[in-house]
């Protein structure tokens, strides 16, 4: 079991500081978030065309877009739960 002293202790020095790849990781995450925002924005602008071309009601399009947005969000996939 971990003691309070171990939890509250400062991390051990790793030599030259933080990992230099942290900036690359940050850039990749920011680009991914931007691409997600761009995709959602394009789809939302296209809603009238989607309704017209597919002859769908607003509720149908809203349901499909909610499903799309749910799949694009980060996080665990709750449909695959351990049994």
Protein backbone atom coordinates (compact mmCIF):
# COMPACT_ATOMS: atom_id res chain seq x y z
CA UNK A 1 0.00 0.00 0.00
CA UNK A 2 1.22 3.52 -0.73
CA UNK A 3 1.87 5.77 2.23
CA UNK A 4 0.97 9.45 2.46
CA UNK A 5 4.66 10.35 2.41
CA UNK A 6 5.10 8.60 -0.93
CA UNK A 7 2.06 10.31 -2.42
CA UNK A 8 3.08 13.78 -1.26
CA UNK A 9 6.79 13.43 -2.06
CA UNK A 10 8.23 15.44 -4.95
CA UNK A 11 8.97 13.35 -8.03
CA UNK A 12 12.54 12.21 -8.46
CA UNK A 13 14.73 14.30 -10.75
CA UNK A 14 15.05 12.79 -14.22
CA UNK A 15 18.20 14.58 -15.25
CA UNK A 16 17.63 17.13 -18.00
CA UNK A 17 14.06 18.07 -17.10
CA UNK A 18 10.80 17.23 -18.76
CA UNK A 19 10.44 15.09 -21.85
CA UNK A 20 11.00 17.21 -24.99
CA UNK A 21 8.28 15.23 -26.80
CA UNK A 22 5.66 16.90 -24.61
CA UNK A 23 5.42 19.80 -27.07
CA UNK A 24 4.87 17.45 -29.99
CA UNK A 25 2.17 15.69 -27.98
CA UNK A 26 0.50 19.01 -27.18
CA UNK A 27 0.56 20.09 -30.84
CA UNK A 28 -0.94 16.78 -31.96
CA UNK A 29 -3.72 17.01 -29.37
CA UNK A 30 -4.51 20.61 -30.31
CA UNK A 31 -4.62 19.74 -34.01
CA UNK A 32 -6.94 16.81 -33.30
CA UNK A 33 -9.27 19.05 -31.27
CA UNK A 34 -9.26 21.65 -34.06
CA UNK A 35 -10.06 19.02 -36.71
CA UNK A 36 -12.94 17.75 -34.58
CA UNK A 37 -14.31 21.29 -34.22
CA UNK A 38 -13.93 21.89 -37.95
CA UNK A 39 -15.73 18.65 -38.82
CA UNK A 40 -18.64 19.37 -36.49
CA UNK A 41 -18.93 22.93 -37.84
CA UNK A 42 -19.01 21.77 -41.46
CA UNK A 43 -21.68 19.17 -40.73
CA UNK A 44 -23.81 21.69 -38.81
CA UNK A 45 -23.62 24.16 -41.70
CA UNK A 46 -24.68 21.40 -44.09
CA UNK A 47 -27.85 20.49 -42.15
CA UNK A 48 -30.27 22.16 -44.60
CA UNK A 49 -28.67 20.36 -47.56
CA UNK A 50 -28.74 17.05 -45.71
CA UNK A 51 -32.45 17.51 -44.94
CA UNK A 52 -33.27 18.43 -48.52
CA UNK A 53 -31.19 15.69 -50.19
CA UNK A 54 -32.29 12.88 -47.88
CA UNK A 55 -35.86 14.13 -47.45
CA UNK A 56 -35.38 13.85 -43.69
CA UNK A 57 -37.10 15.67 -40.88
CA UNK A 58 -35.17 17.92 -38.54
CA UNK A 59 -35.56 15.30 -35.77
CA UNK A 60 -33.99 12.63 -38.01
CA UNK A 61 -31.02 14.82 -38.84
CA UNK A 62 -30.66 15.89 -35.21
CA UNK A 63 -30.58 12.25 -34.09
CA UNK A 64 -27.95 11.34 -36.69
CA UNK A 65 -25.77 14.34 -35.79
CA UNK A 66 -26.02 13.59 -32.07
CA UNK A 67 -24.79 10.08 -32.81
CA UNK A 68 -21.93 11.45 -34.94
CA UNK A 69 -20.90 13.91 -32.23
CA UNK A 70 -21.06 11.19 -29.60
CA UNK A 71 -18.70 9.00 -31.63
CA UNK A 72 -16.23 11.88 -32.11
CA UNK A 73 -15.94 12.74 -28.44
CA UNK A 74 -12.90 11.54 -26.56
CA UNK A 75 -13.27 9.04 -23.77
CA UNK A 76 -14.06 5.40 -23.16
CA UNK A 77 -16.49 3.53 -25.34
CA UNK A 78 -19.32 2.70 -22.93
CA UNK A 79 -20.92 0.22 -25.30
CA UNK A 80 -18.08 -2.25 -24.72
CA UNK A 81 -18.41 -3.03 -21.06
CA UNK A 82 -16.79 -6.02 -19.41
CA UNK A 83 -19.22 -8.76 -18.62
